[in-house]
Amino acid sequence: MTVTIYHNPRCSKSRETLELLRNRGVEPTVVEYLQTPPNEAELKKILSLLGLKPRELLRKKEAKEAGLDDPSLDGDRLIAAMVANPAVIERPIVVANGKAALGRPPEKVLELL
């Protein structure tokens, strides 16, 4: 089983989720998405796996600071903006077994294992 975590080491929930996975014997592929953001196709796939619309994956405060809280931004434009400004993407995201989960709370990712 391949498990990937889109991780921000400065985020406590992201660190907790990574630790939770490791404590369960899972060593995921760690993608520090601020350094290596997903491209548009990857982000679309993640959104599809999560069953979310782009706006639902935005961190509200960071999106406002980046000027992405404009409700007129549509899906593709918003996805492009998220790729260009990865700090606005909610975290952590874990992908495994053709599914994805947002680690809020961290235990939510255990449903994938």
PDB file of N, CA and C in Angstrom:
ATOM      1  N   MET A   1       0.847  -1.175   0.000  1.00  0.00           N
ATOM      2  CA  MET A   1       0.000   0.000   0.000  1.00  0.00           C
ATOM      3  C   MET A   1       0.895   1.241   0.000  1.00  0.00           C
ATOM      4  N   THR A   2       0.640   2.120  -0.928  1.00  0.00           N
ATOM      5  CA  THR A   2       1.362   3.383  -1.004  1.00  0.00           C
ATOM      6  C   THR A   2       0.520   4.458  -0.335  1.00  0.00           C
ATOM      7  N   VAL A   3       1.129   5.163   0.590  1.00  0.00           N
ATOM      8  CA  VAL A   3       0.453   6.241   1.306  1.00  0.00           C
ATOM      9  C   VAL A   3       1.281   7.508   1.099  1.00  0.00           C
ATOM     10  N   THR A   4       0.605   8.576   0.736  1.00  0.00           N
ATOM     11  CA  THR A   4       1.263   9.867   0.534  1.00  0.00           C
ATOM     12  C   THR A   4       0.602  10.886   1.448  1.00  0.00           C
ATOM     13  N   ILE A   5       1.421  11.685   2.103  1.00  0.00           N
ATOM     14  CA  ILE A   5       0.903  12.783   2.916  1.00  0.00           C
ATOM     15  C   ILE A   5       1.430  14.093   2.351  1.00  0.00           C
ATOM     16  N   TYR A   6       0.502  15.001   2.071  1.00  0.00           N
ATOM     17  CA  TYR A   6       0.859  16.367   1.688  1.00  0.00           C
ATOM     18  C   TYR A   6       0.988  17.112   3.014  1.00  0.00           C
ATOM     19  N   HIS A   7       2.213  17.446   3.351  1.00  0.00           N
ATOM     20  CA  HIS A   7       2.597  17.785   4.709  1.00  0.00           C
ATOM     21  C   HIS A   7       3.241  19.169   4.798  1.00  0.00           C
ATOM     22  N   ASN A   8       2.936  19.841   5.899  1.00  0.00           N
ATOM     23  CA  ASN A   8       3.615  21.080   6.249  1.00  0.00           C
ATOM     24  C   ASN A   8       4.200  20.863   7.640  1.00  0.00           C
ATOM     25  N   PRO A   9       5.520  20.731   7.769  1.00  0.00           N
ATOM     26  CA  PRO A   9       6.110  20.427   9.059  1.00  0.00           C
ATOM     27  C   PRO A   9       5.887  21.502  10.120  1.00  0.00           C
ATOM     28  N   ARG A  10       5.470  22.694   9.727  1.00  0.00           N
ATOM     29  CA  ARG A  10       5.202  23.758  10.700  1.00  0.00           C
ATOM     30  C   ARG A  10       3.782  23.684  11.262  1.00  0.00           C
ATOM     31  N   CYS A  11       2.960  22.802  10.714  1.00  0.00           N
ATOM     32  CA  CYS A  11       1.557  22.680  11.120  1.00  0.00           C
ATOM     33  C   CYS A  11       1.410  21.551  12.142  1.00  0.00           C
ATOM     34  N   SER A  12       0.838  21.851  13.294  1.00  0.00           N
ATOM     35  CA  SER A  12       0.703  20.840  14.341  1.00  0.00           C
ATOM     36  C   SER A  12      -0.189  19.680  13.904  1.00  0.00           C
ATOM     37  N   LYS A  13      -1.273  19.945  13.204  1.00  0.00           N
ATOM     38  CA  LYS A  13      -2.164  18.862  12.742  1.00  0.00           C
ATOM     39  C   LYS A  13      -1.445  17.976  11.724  1.00  0.00           C
ATOM     40  N   SER A  14      -0.634  18.587  10.894  1.00  0.00           N
ATOM     41  CA  SER A  14       0.130  17.824   9.912  1.00  0.00           C
ATOM     42  C   SER A  14       1.156  16.936  10.618  1.00  0.00           C
ATOM     43  N   ARG A  15       1.847  17.489  11.593  1.00  0.00           N
ATOM     44  CA  ARG A  15       2.822  16.692  12.365  1.00  0.00           C
ATOM     45  C   ARG A  15       2.124  15.562  13.110  1.00  0.00           C
ATOM     46  N   GLU A  16       0.972  15.852  13.719  1.00  0.00           N
ATOM     47  CA  GLU A  16       0.222  14.825  14.439  1.00  0.00           C
ATOM     48  C   GLU A  16      -0.227  13.706  13.503  1.00  0.00           C
ATOM     49  N   THR A  17      -0.668  14.071  12.314  1.00  0.00           N
ATOM     50  CA  THR A  17      -1.124  13.075  11.346  1.00  0.00           C
ATOM     51  C   THR A  17       0.030  12.194  10.898  1.00  0.00           C
ATOM     52  N   LEU A  18       1.172  12.786  10.612  1.00  0.00           N
ATOM     53  CA  LEU A  18       2.346  12.021  10.212  1.00  0.00           C
ATOM     54  C   LEU A  18       2.763  11.067  11.337  1.00  0.00           C
ATOM     55  N   GLU A  19       2.773  11.553  12.558  1.00  0.00           N
ATOM     56  CA  GLU A  19       3.135  10.709  13.700  1.00  0.00           C
ATOM     57  C   GLU A  19       2.131   9.568  13.875  1.00  0.00           C
ATOM     58  N   LEU A  20       0.855   9.858  13.702  1.00  0.00           N
ATOM     59  CA  LEU A  20      -0.191   8.843  13.813  1.00  0.00           C
ATOM     60  C   LEU A  20       0.026   7.731  12.789  1.00  0.00           C
ATOM     61  N   LEU A  21       0.321   8.106  11.551  1.00  0.00           N
ATOM     62  CA  LEU A  21       0.586   7.112  10.512  1.00  0.00           C
ATOM     63  C   LEU A  21       1.791   6.259  10.886  1.00  0.00           C
ATOM     64  N   ARG A  22       2.861   6.896  11.286  1.00  0.00           N
ATOM     65  CA  ARG A  22       4.079   6.166  11.641  1.00  0.00           C
ATOM     66  C   ARG A  22       3.856   5.255  12.835  1.00  0.00           C
ATOM     67  N   ASN A  23       3.065   5.691  13.801  1.00  0.00           N
ATOM     68  CA  ASN A  23       2.757   4.850  14.957  1.00  0.00           C
ATOM     69  C   ASN A  23       1.931   3.628  14.576  1.00  0.00           C
ATOM     70  N   ARG A  24       1.266   3.700  13.436  1.00  0.00           N
ATOM     71  CA  ARG A  24       0.496   2.565  12.911  1.00  0.00           C
ATOM     72  C   ARG A  24       1.331   1.700  11.969  1.00  0.00           C
ATOM     73  N   GLY A  25       2.628   1.982  11.899  1.00  0.00           N
ATOM     74  CA  GLY A  25       3.521   1.197  11.061  1.00  0.00           C
ATOM     75  C   GLY A  25       3.521   1.600   9.596  1.00  0.00           C
ATOM     76  N   VAL A  26       2.963   2.752   9.292  1.00  0.00           N
ATOM     77  CA  VAL A  26       2.899   3.243   7.914  1.00  0.00           C
ATOM     78  C   VAL A  26       3.967   4.313   7.739  1.00  0.00           C
ATOM     79  N   GLU A  27       4.864   4.100   6.784  1.00  0.00           N
ATOM     80  CA  GLU A  27       5.865   5.113   6.449  1.00  0.00           C
ATOM     81  C   GLU A  27       5.454   5.723   5.115  1.00  0.00           C
ATOM     82  N   PRO A  28       4.769   6.866   5.169  1.00  0.00           N
ATOM     83  CA  PRO A  28       4.253   7.453   3.942  1.00  0.00           C
ATOM     84  C   PRO A  28       5.327   8.185   3.147  1.00  0.00           C
ATOM     85  N   THR A  29       5.019   8.391   1.884  1.00  0.00           N
ATOM     86  CA  THR A  29       5.792   9.316   1.071  1.00  0.00           C
ATOM     87  C   THR A  29       5.383  10.699   1.536  1.00  0.00           C
ATOM     88  N   VAL A  30       6.345  11.489   1.962  1.00  0.00           N
ATOM     89  CA  VAL A  30       6.053  12.822   2.492  1.00  0.00           C
ATOM     90  C   VAL A  30       6.320  13.859   1.411  1.00  0.00           C
ATOM     91  N   VAL A  31       5.287  14.596   1.069  1.00  0.00           N
ATOM     92  CA  VAL A  31       5.410  15.685   0.104  1.00  0.00           C
ATOM     93  C   VAL A  31       5.234  16.984   0.874  1.00  0.00           C
ATOM     94  N   GLU A  32       6.319  17.707   1.029  1.00  0.00           N
ATOM     95  CA  GLU A  32       6.208  19.021   1.656  1.00  0.00           C
ATOM     96  C   GLU A  32       5.664  19.969   0.591  1.00  0.00           C
ATOM     97  N   TYR A  33       4.346  20.098   0.589  1.00  0.00           N
ATOM     98  CA  TYR A  33       3.664  20.746  -0.532  1.00  0.00           C
ATOM     99  C   TYR A  33       3.965  22.235  -0.666  1.00  0.00           C
ATOM    100  N   LEU A  34       4.513  22.869   0.363  1.00  0.00           N
ATOM    101  CA  LEU A  34       4.915  24.262   0.194  1.00  0.00           C
ATOM    102  C   LEU A  34       6.176  24.358  -0.659  1.00  0.00           C
ATOM    103  N   GLN A  35       7.019  23.318  -0.587  1.00  0.00           N
ATOM    104  CA  GLN A  35       8.243  23.260  -1.395  1.00  0.00           C
ATOM    105  C   GLN A  35       7.966  22.651  -2.773  1.00  0.00           C
ATOM    106  N   THR A  36       7.094  21.640  -2.790  1.00  0.00           N
ATOM    107  CA  THR A  36       6.762  20.913  -4.017  1.00  0.00           C
ATOM    108  C   THR A  36       5.242  20.836  -4.129  1.00  0.00           C
ATOM    109  N   PRO A  37       4.607  21.910  -4.571  1.00  0.00           N
ATOM    110  CA  PRO A  37       3.141  21.902  -4.634  1.00  0.00           C
ATOM    111  C   PRO A  37       2.635  20.948  -5.718  1.00  0.00           C
ATOM    112  N   PRO A  38       1.446  20.401  -5.505  1.00  0.00           N
ATOM    113  CA  PRO A  38       0.861  19.577  -6.555  1.00  0.00           C
ATOM    114  C   PRO A  38       0.578  20.445  -7.777  1.00  0.00           C
ATOM    115  N   ASN A  39       0.672  19.831  -8.960  1.00  0.00           N
ATOM    116  CA  ASN A  39       0.300  20.586 -10.155  1.00  0.00           C
ATOM    117  C   ASN A  39      -1.222  20.576 -10.284  1.00  0.00           C
ATOM    118  N   GLU A  40      -1.741  21.222 -11.301  1.00  0.00           N
ATOM    119  CA  GLU A  40      -3.191  21.345 -11.438  1.00  0.00           C
ATOM    120  C   GLU A  40      -3.865  19.991 -11.565  1.00  0.00           C
ATOM    121  N   ALA A  41      -3.279  19.088 -12.348  1.00  0.00           N
ATOM    122  CA  ALA A  41      -3.875  17.756 -12.523  1.00  0.00           C
ATOM    123  C   ALA A  41      -3.883  16.991 -11.203  1.00  0.00           C
ATOM    124  N   GLU A  42      -2.788  17.059 -10.458  1.00  0.00           N
ATOM    125  CA  GLU A  42      -2.725  16.372  -9.163  1.00  0.00           C
ATOM    126  C   GLU A  42      -3.753  16.950  -8.191  1.00  0.00           C
ATOM    127  N   LEU A  43      -3.858  18.262  -8.173  1.00  0.00           N
ATOM    128  CA  LEU A  43      -4.805  18.895  -7.263  1.00  0.00           C
ATOM    129  C   LEU A  43      -6.242  18.537  -7.636  1.00  0.00           C
ATOM    130  N   LYS A  44      -6.543  18.488  -8.918  1.00  0.00           N
ATOM    131  CA  LYS A  44      -7.884  18.081  -9.354  1.00  0.00           C
ATOM    132  C   LYS A  44      -8.178  16.649  -8.913  1.00  0.00           C
ATOM    133  N   LYS A  45      -7.176  15.770  -9.039  1.00  0.00           N
ATOM    134  CA  LYS A  45      -7.360  14.374  -8.614  1.00  0.00           C
ATOM    135  C   LYS A  45      -7.592  14.309  -7.107  1.00  0.00           C
ATOM    136  N   ILE A  46      -6.796  15.048  -6.336  1.00  0.00           N
ATOM    137  CA  ILE A  46      -6.962  15.067  -4.883  1.00  0.00           C
ATOM    138  C   ILE A  46      -8.357  15.567  -4.516  1.00  0.00           C
ATOM    139  N   LEU A  47      -8.792  16.636  -5.143  1.00  0.00           N
ATOM    140  CA  LEU A  47     -10.129  17.174  -4.878  1.00  0.00           C
ATOM    141  C   LEU A  47     -11.202  16.134  -5.192  1.00  0.00           C
ATOM    142  N   SER A  48     -11.031  15.427  -6.297  1.00  0.00           N
ATOM    143  CA  SER A  48     -11.986  14.390  -6.670  1.00  0.00           C
ATOM    144  C   SER A  48     -12.016  13.272  -5.627  1.00  0.00           C
ATOM    145  N   LEU A  49     -10.831  12.840  -5.189  1.00  0.00           N
ATOM    146  CA  LEU A  49     -10.756  11.784  -4.175  1.00  0.00           C
ATOM    147  C   LEU A  49     -11.367  12.225  -2.853  1.00  0.00           C
ATOM    148  N   LEU A  50     -11.206  13.502  -2.520  1.00  0.00           N
ATOM    149  CA  LEU A  50     -11.785  14.039  -1.296  1.00  0.00           C
ATOM    150  C   LEU A  50     -13.283  14.314  -1.429  1.00  0.00           C
ATOM    151  N   GLY A  51     -13.750  14.434  -2.680  1.00  0.00           N
ATOM    152  CA  GLY A  51     -15.149  14.780  -2.907  1.00  0.00           C
ATOM    153  C   GLY A  51     -15.441  16.231  -2.563  1.00  0.00           C
ATOM    154  N   LEU A  52     -14.430  17.085  -2.772  1.00  0.00           N
ATOM    155  CA  LEU A  52     -14.561  18.499  -2.431  1.00  0.00           C
ATOM    156  C   LEU A  52     -14.473  19.383  -3.664  1.00  0.00           C
ATOM    157  N   LYS A  53     -15.055  20.562  -3.557  1.00  0.00           N
ATOM    158  CA  LYS A  53     -14.873  21.603  -4.558  1.00  0.00           C
ATOM    159  C   LYS A  53     -13.640  22.398  -4.151  1.00  0.00           C
ATOM    160  N   PRO A  54     -12.970  23.048  -5.094  1.00  0.00           N
ATOM    161  CA  PRO A  54     -11.739  23.775  -4.759  1.00  0.00           C
ATOM    162  C   PRO A  54     -11.879  24.718  -3.570  1.00  0.00           C
ATOM    163  N   ARG A  55     -12.944  25.471  -3.504  1.00  0.00           N
ATOM    164  CA  ARG A  55     -13.120  26.438  -2.426  1.00  0.00           C
ATOM    165  C   ARG A  55     -13.163  25.745  -1.055  1.00  0.00           C
ATOM    166  N   GLU A  56     -13.628  24.492  -1.018  1.00  0.00           N
ATOM    167  CA  GLU A  56     -13.737  23.763   0.244  1.00  0.00           C
ATOM    168  C   GLU A  56     -12.381  23.306   0.781  1.00  0.00           C
ATOM    169  N   LEU A  57     -11.344  23.397  -0.039  1.00  0.00           N
ATOM    170  CA  LEU A  57     -10.006  23.001   0.377  1.00  0.00           C
ATOM    171  C   LEU A  57      -9.122  24.211   0.693  1.00  0.00           C
ATOM    172  N   LEU A  58      -9.732  25.379   0.717  1.00  0.00           N
ATOM    173  CA  LEU A  58      -8.980  26.604   1.019  1.00  0.00           C
ATOM    174  C   LEU A  58      -8.909  26.857   2.518  1.00  0.00           C
ATOM    175  N   ARG A  59      -7.752  27.289   2.961  1.00  0.00           N
ATOM    176  CA  ARG A  59      -7.601  27.801   4.325  1.00  0.00           C
ATOM    177  C   ARG A  59      -8.106  29.241   4.285  1.00  0.00           C
ATOM    178  N   LYS A  60      -9.114  29.533   5.055  1.00  0.00           N
ATOM    179  CA  LYS A  60      -9.807  30.829   4.950  1.00  0.00           C
ATOM    180  C   LYS A  60      -8.893  32.032   5.168  1.00  0.00           C
ATOM    181  N   LYS A  61      -8.121  32.025   6.230  1.00  0.00           N
ATOM    182  CA  LYS A  61      -7.271  33.171   6.537  1.00  0.00           C
ATOM    183  C   LYS A  61      -6.233  33.385   5.437  1.00  0.00           C
ATOM    184  N   GLU A  62      -5.557  32.305   5.043  1.00  0.00           N
ATOM    185  CA  GLU A  62      -4.515  32.402   4.023  1.00  0.00           C
ATOM    186  C   GLU A  62      -5.107  32.787   2.663  1.00  0.00           C
ATOM    187  N   ALA A  63      -6.291  32.270   2.363  1.00  0.00           N
ATOM    188  CA  ALA A  63      -6.950  32.612   1.102  1.00  0.00           C
ATOM    189  C   ALA A  63      -7.287  34.102   1.063  1.00  0.00           C
ATOM    190  N   LYS A  64      -7.770  34.620   2.179  1.00  0.00           N
ATOM    191  CA  LYS A  64      -8.091  36.049   2.239  1.00  0.00           C
ATOM    192  C   LYS A  64      -6.828  36.879   2.049  1.00  0.00           C
ATOM    193  N   GLU A  65      -5.749  36.496   2.747  1.00  0.00           N
ATOM    194  CA  GLU A  65      -4.484  37.222   2.629  1.00  0.00           C
ATOM    195  C   GLU A  65      -3.941  37.190   1.198  1.00  0.00           C
ATOM    196  N   ALA A  66      -4.201  36.088   0.470  1.00  0.00           N
ATOM    197  CA  ALA A  66      -3.718  35.954  -0.907  1.00  0.00           C
ATOM    198  C   ALA A  66      -4.699  36.533  -1.927  1.00  0.00           C
ATOM    199  N   GLY A  67      -5.821  37.073  -1.442  1.00  0.00           N
ATOM    200  CA  GLY A  67      -6.812  37.643  -2.346  1.00  0.00           C
ATOM    201  C   GLY A  67      -7.635  36.605  -3.078  1.00  0.00           C
ATOM    202  N   LEU A  68      -7.709  35.408  -2.518  1.00  0.00           N
ATOM    203  CA  LEU A  68      -8.442  34.319  -3.177  1.00  0.00           C
ATOM    204  C   LEU A  68      -9.810  34.072  -2.551  1.00  0.00           C
ATOM    205  N   ASP A  69     -10.269  34.990  -1.728  1.00  0.00           N
ATOM    206  CA  ASP A  69     -11.583  34.840  -1.115  1.00  0.00           C
ATOM    207  C   ASP A  69     -12.690  35.428  -1.981  1.00  0.00           C
ATOM    208  N   ASP A  70     -12.341  35.865  -3.176  1.00  0.00           N
ATOM    209  CA  ASP A  70     -13.304  36.413  -4.137  1.00  0.00           C
ATOM    210  C   ASP A  70     -14.223  35.291  -4.615  1.00  0.00           C
ATOM    211  N   PRO A  71     -15.520  35.358  -4.302  1.00  0.00           N
ATOM    212  CA  PRO A  71     -16.438  34.279  -4.690  1.00  0.00           C
ATOM    213  C   PRO A  71     -16.611  34.116  -6.198  1.00  0.00           C
ATOM    214  N   SER A  72     -16.165  35.098  -6.983  1.00  0.00           N
ATOM    215  CA  SER A  72     -16.315  34.982  -8.438  1.00  0.00           C
ATOM    216  C   SER A  72     -15.245  34.091  -9.072  1.00  0.00           C
ATOM    217  N   LEU A  73     -14.204  33.737  -8.305  1.00  0.00           N
ATOM    218  CA  LEU A  73     -13.193  32.821  -8.854  1.00  0.00           C
ATOM    219  C   LEU A  73     -13.837  31.469  -9.079  1.00  0.00           C
ATOM    220  N   ASP A  74     -13.706  30.941 -10.299  1.00  0.00           N
ATOM    221  CA  ASP A  74     -14.307  29.646 -10.603  1.00  0.00           C
ATOM    222  C   ASP A  74     -13.323  28.522 -10.310  1.00  0.00           C
ATOM    223  N   GLY A  75     -13.753  27.289 -10.511  1.00  0.00           N
ATOM    224  CA  GLY A  75     -12.970  26.114 -10.179  1.00  0.00           C
ATOM    225  C   GLY A  75     -11.575  26.089 -10.763  1.00  0.00           C
ATOM    226  N   ASP A  76     -11.439  26.194 -12.089  1.00  0.00           N
ATOM    227  CA  ASP A  76     -10.126  26.097 -12.720  1.00  0.00           C
ATOM    228  C   ASP A  76      -9.225  27.266 -12.352  1.00  0.00           C
ATOM    229  N   ARG A  77      -9.780  28.457 -12.283  1.00  0.00           N
ATOM    230  CA  ARG A  77      -8.970  29.621 -11.886  1.00  0.00           C
ATOM    231  C   ARG A  77      -8.533  29.490 -10.426  1.00  0.00           C
ATOM    232  N   LEU A  78      -9.410  28.976  -9.607  1.00  0.00           N
ATOM    233  CA  LEU A  78      -9.082  28.794  -8.199  1.00  0.00           C
ATOM    234  C   LEU A  78      -8.017  27.710  -8.026  1.00  0.00           C
ATOM    235  N   ILE A  79      -8.139  26.628  -8.777  1.00  0.00           N
ATOM    236  CA  ILE A  79      -7.129  25.563  -8.725  1.00  0.00           C
ATOM    237  C   ILE A  79      -5.769  26.110  -9.147  1.00  0.00           C
ATOM    238  N   ALA A  80      -5.719  26.877 -10.214  1.00  0.00           N
ATOM    239  CA  ALA A  80      -4.454  27.470 -10.668  1.00  0.00           C
ATOM    240  C   ALA A  80      -3.874  28.376  -9.582  1.00  0.00           C
ATOM    241  N   ALA A  81      -4.729  29.131  -8.916  1.00  0.00           N
ATOM    242  CA  ALA A  81      -4.263  30.019  -7.848  1.00  0.00           C
ATOM    243  C   ALA A  81      -3.755  29.215  -6.651  1.00  0.00           C
ATOM    244  N   MET A  82      -4.374  28.084  -6.375  1.00  0.00           N
ATOM    245  CA  MET A  82      -3.936  27.229  -5.270  1.00  0.00           C
ATOM    246  C   MET A  82      -2.561  26.627  -5.569  1.00  0.00           C
ATOM    247  N   VAL A  83      -2.335  26.248  -6.808  1.00  0.00           N
ATOM    248  CA  VAL A  83      -1.034  25.711  -7.208  1.00  0.00           C
ATOM    249  C   VAL A  83       0.037  26.794  -7.084  1.00  0.00           C
ATOM    250  N   ALA A  84      -0.321  28.012  -7.478  1.00  0.00           N
ATOM    251  CA  ALA A  84       0.630  29.127  -7.408  1.00  0.00           C
ATOM    252  C   ALA A  84       0.862  29.607  -5.973  1.00  0.00           C
ATOM    253  N   ASN A  85      -0.113  29.371  -5.094  1.00  0.00           N
ATOM    254  CA  ASN A  85      -0.037  29.811  -3.688  1.00  0.00           C
ATOM    255  C   ASN A  85      -0.371  28.625  -2.787  1.00  0.00           C
ATOM    256  N   PRO A  86       0.487  27.615  -2.690  1.00  0.00           N
ATOM    257  CA  PRO A  86       0.130  26.398  -1.970  1.00  0.00           C
ATOM    258  C   PRO A  86      -0.167  26.591  -0.486  1.00  0.00           C
ATOM    259  N   ALA A  87       0.232  27.699   0.101  1.00  0.00           N
ATOM    260  CA  ALA A  87      -0.067  27.945   1.511  1.00  0.00           C
ATOM    261  C   ALA A  87      -1.565  28.051   1.776  1.00  0.00           C
ATOM    262  N   VAL A  88      -2.352  28.277   0.731  1.00  0.00           N
ATOM    263  CA  VAL A  88      -3.800  28.396   0.913  1.00  0.00           C
ATOM    264  C   VAL A  88      -4.492  27.039   0.948  1.00  0.00           C
ATOM    265  N   ILE A  89      -3.766  25.966   0.637  1.00  0.00           N
ATOM    266  CA  ILE A  89      -4.350  24.624   0.607  1.00  0.00           C
ATOM    267  C   ILE A  89      -4.426  24.080   2.030  1.00  0.00           C
ATOM    268  N   GLU A  90      -5.609  23.577   2.388  1.00  0.00           N
ATOM    269  CA  GLU A  90      -5.800  22.974   3.712  1.00  0.00           C
ATOM    270  C   GLU A  90      -4.886  21.768   3.857  1.00  0.00           C
ATOM    271  N   ARG A  91      -4.489  21.473   5.071  1.00  0.00           N
ATOM    272  CA  ARG A  91      -3.544  20.400   5.321  1.00  0.00           C
ATOM    273  C   ARG A  91      -3.872  19.698   6.614  1.00  0.00           C
ATOM    274  N   PRO A  92      -3.323  18.529   6.782  1.00  0.00           N
ATOM    275  CA  PRO A  92      -2.629  17.670   5.832  1.00  0.00           C
ATOM    276  C   PRO A  92      -3.634  16.865   5.011  1.00  0.00           C
ATOM    277  N   ILE A  93      -3.185  16.417   3.866  1.00  0.00           N
ATOM    278  CA  ILE A  93      -3.995  15.549   3.010  1.00  0.00           C
ATOM    279  C   ILE A  93      -3.239  14.236   2.891  1.00  0.00           C
ATOM    280  N   VAL A  94      -3.943  13.141   3.113  1.00  0.00           N
ATOM    281  CA  VAL A  94      -3.348  11.817   2.968  1.00  0.00           C
ATOM    282  C   VAL A  94      -4.081  11.095   1.848  1.00  0.00           C
ATOM    283  N   VAL A  95      -3.299  10.471   0.956  1.00  0.00           N
ATOM    284  CA  VAL A  95      -3.847   9.714  -0.162  1.00  0.00           C
ATOM    285  C   VAL A  95      -3.366   8.278  -0.031  1.00  0.00           C
ATOM    286  N   ALA A  96      -4.309   7.332  -0.092  1.00  0.00           N
ATOM    287  CA  ALA A  96      -3.980   5.903  -0.005  1.00  0.00           C
ATOM    288  C   ALA A  96      -5.136   5.086  -0.572  1.00  0.00           C
ATOM    289  N   ASN A  97      -4.799   3.994  -1.200  1.00  0.00           N
ATOM    290  CA  ASN A  97      -5.815   3.049  -1.691  1.00  0.00           C
ATOM    291  C   ASN A  97      -6.871   3.701  -2.585  1.00  0.00           C
ATOM    292  N   GLY A  98      -6.463   4.652  -3.405  1.00  0.00           N
ATOM    293  CA  GLY A  98      -7.404   5.307  -4.308  1.00  0.00           C
ATOM    294  C   GLY A  98      -8.398   6.220  -3.609  1.00  0.00           C
ATOM    295  N   LYS A  99      -8.066   6.604  -2.376  1.00  0.00           N
ATOM    296  CA  LYS A  99      -8.931   7.501  -1.607  1.00  0.00           C
ATOM    297  C   LYS A  99      -8.055   8.591  -0.990  1.00  0.00           C
ATOM    298  N   ALA A 100      -8.699   9.616  -0.477  1.00  0.00           N
ATOM    299  CA  ALA A 100      -7.969  10.690   0.196  1.00  0.00           C
ATOM    300  C   ALA A 100      -8.772  11.140   1.405  1.00  0.00           C
ATOM    301  N   ALA A 101      -8.054  11.679   2.382  1.00  0.00           N
ATOM    302  CA  ALA A 101      -8.701  12.227   3.571  1.00  0.00           C
ATOM    303  C   ALA A 101      -7.915  13.434   4.045  1.00  0.00           C
ATOM    304  N   LEU A 102      -8.631  14.362   4.590  1.00  0.00           N
ATOM    305  CA  LEU A 102      -8.040  15.543   5.197  1.00  0.00           C
ATOM    306  C   LEU A 102      -7.834  15.223   6.674  1.00  0.00           C
ATOM    307  N   GLY A 103      -6.628  15.423   7.168  1.00  0.00           N
ATOM    308  CA  GLY A 103      -6.301  15.076   8.540  1.00  0.00           C
ATOM    309  C   GLY A 103      -6.783  16.085   9.556  1.00  0.00           C
ATOM    310  N   ARG A 104      -8.039  16.403   9.522  1.00  0.00           N
ATOM    311  CA  ARG A 104      -8.651  17.315  10.491  1.00  0.00           C
ATOM    312  C   ARG A 104      -9.952  16.690  10.955  1.00  0.00           C
ATOM    313  N   PRO A 105      -9.945  15.994  12.058  1.00  0.00           N
ATOM    314  CA  PRO A 105      -8.824  15.703  12.955  1.00  0.00           C
ATOM    315  C   PRO A 105      -7.902  14.633  12.356  1.00  0.00           C
ATOM    316  N   PRO A 106      -6.694  14.493  12.902  1.00  0.00           N
ATOM    317  CA  PRO A 106      -5.741  13.537  12.350  1.00  0.00           C
ATOM    318  C   PRO A 106      -6.283  12.112  12.230  1.00  0.00           C
ATOM    319  N   GLU A 107      -7.131  11.699  13.163  1.00  0.00           N
ATOM    320  CA  GLU A 107      -7.670  10.333  13.144  1.00  0.00           C
ATOM    321  C   GLU A 107      -8.518  10.044  11.904  1.00  0.00           C
ATOM    322  N   LYS A 108      -8.952  11.081  11.234  1.00  0.00           N
ATOM    323  CA  LYS A 108      -9.774  10.929  10.030  1.00  0.00           C
ATOM    324  C   LYS A 108      -9.039  10.117   8.953  1.00  0.00           C
ATOM    325  N   VAL A 109      -7.704  10.206   8.924  1.00  0.00           N
ATOM    326  CA  VAL A 109      -6.936   9.499   7.888  1.00  0.00           C
ATOM    327  C   VAL A 109      -6.900   7.998   8.128  1.00  0.00           C
ATOM    328  N   LEU A 110      -7.209   7.543   9.316  1.00  0.00           N
ATOM    329  CA  LEU A 110      -7.174   6.115   9.607  1.00  0.00           C
ATOM    330  C   LEU A 110      -8.220   5.349   8.794  1.00  0.00           C
ATOM    331  N   GLU A 111      -9.263   6.051   8.330  1.00  0.00           N
ATOM    332  CA  GLU A 111     -10.281   5.428   7.494  1.00  0.00           C
ATOM    333  C   GLU A 111      -9.698   4.912   6.180  1.00  0.00           C
ATOM    334  N   LEU A 112      -8.549   5.439   5.768  1.00  0.00           N
ATOM    335  CA  LEU A 112      -7.930   5.045   4.507  1.00  0.00           C
ATOM    336  C   LEU A 112      -7.123   3.750   4.634  1.00  0.00           C
ATOM    337  N   LEU A 113      -6.750   3.410   5.850  1.00  0.00           N
ATOM    338  CA  LEU A 113      -5.833   2.273   6.045  1.00  0.00           C
ATOM    339  C   LEU A 113      -6.578   0.956   6.146  1.00  0.00           C
TER     340      LEU A 113
END
